[in-house]
Amino acid sequence: MEILLVDDHPMVRHSLTAVLRAAGHGVTVAADCAEVRPLLEDGRFDLLLLDYHLPDGSGLELLREFADRLPGRTVLLSGVTDAEEALFVLEHSEARAFISKEIDLDDLADALGEVMDFNDDDSTWIWRSGQRAFVPSGEAFPRESTLTPKEREVFMLMREGLLDKQIAERLHRSVHTIRVQIRAIRRKRGSSRRAEIEG
């Protein structure tokens, strides 16, 4: 399998590359969006392993830009373990799976092999290190604490620091609707203060 690995941390790139090459895979590395763009143009990769947070842009922006030129499978890799961010990115991109950087490196090659065997449908998956397996993204987190997709959109904009009115304009919703959704977010996140949610 030919893997395109994108991560801005040299030690992470080195460790992941060593593990994947030892498992017999070809690995090409890039450190940021600028480096990966020309590599995505040539279309020779089977899988894109992409860090979501890059110094010159987000993985989500990159996936949107190259939506029609991505390898057969895309896996998001992130040190962020927030459920809502993982679910948001899977809902708004062509990525099929989300793996935390907390994954045991001994499991990584097998996990990526599983991704290649996924059915060709719209299902998305999240790696659970405790189970050493992928679980469907809709079952990965407790339902009572998980936001709805619309609440998740509001939540991600709150994290960017946007105000209620700005969020309403961006999402083409009324300010009243946004405030109702923010109340629901606060309840589910167990916080009454916006600053704690924006974290």
Foldseek 3Di string as FASTA:
>chain_A
DEEEEEAQDPVLVVLLCVLQVVVPYHYDYYHALVRCVVVLVVQPGQEYEEEQDGPVHGPLVSQVVCVPRHHPAYEYEYCDPDLLVLVLSLVRGQHAEYEYPVADSNLVNVQVVVRSVDDPDSWHWYQDNVVSHTDTSVPPDDPQLDADNVLSQLLVVLLVVDDLVVSCVVVVHDSVVSVVSVVSNCVSVVHPDSVVSSD
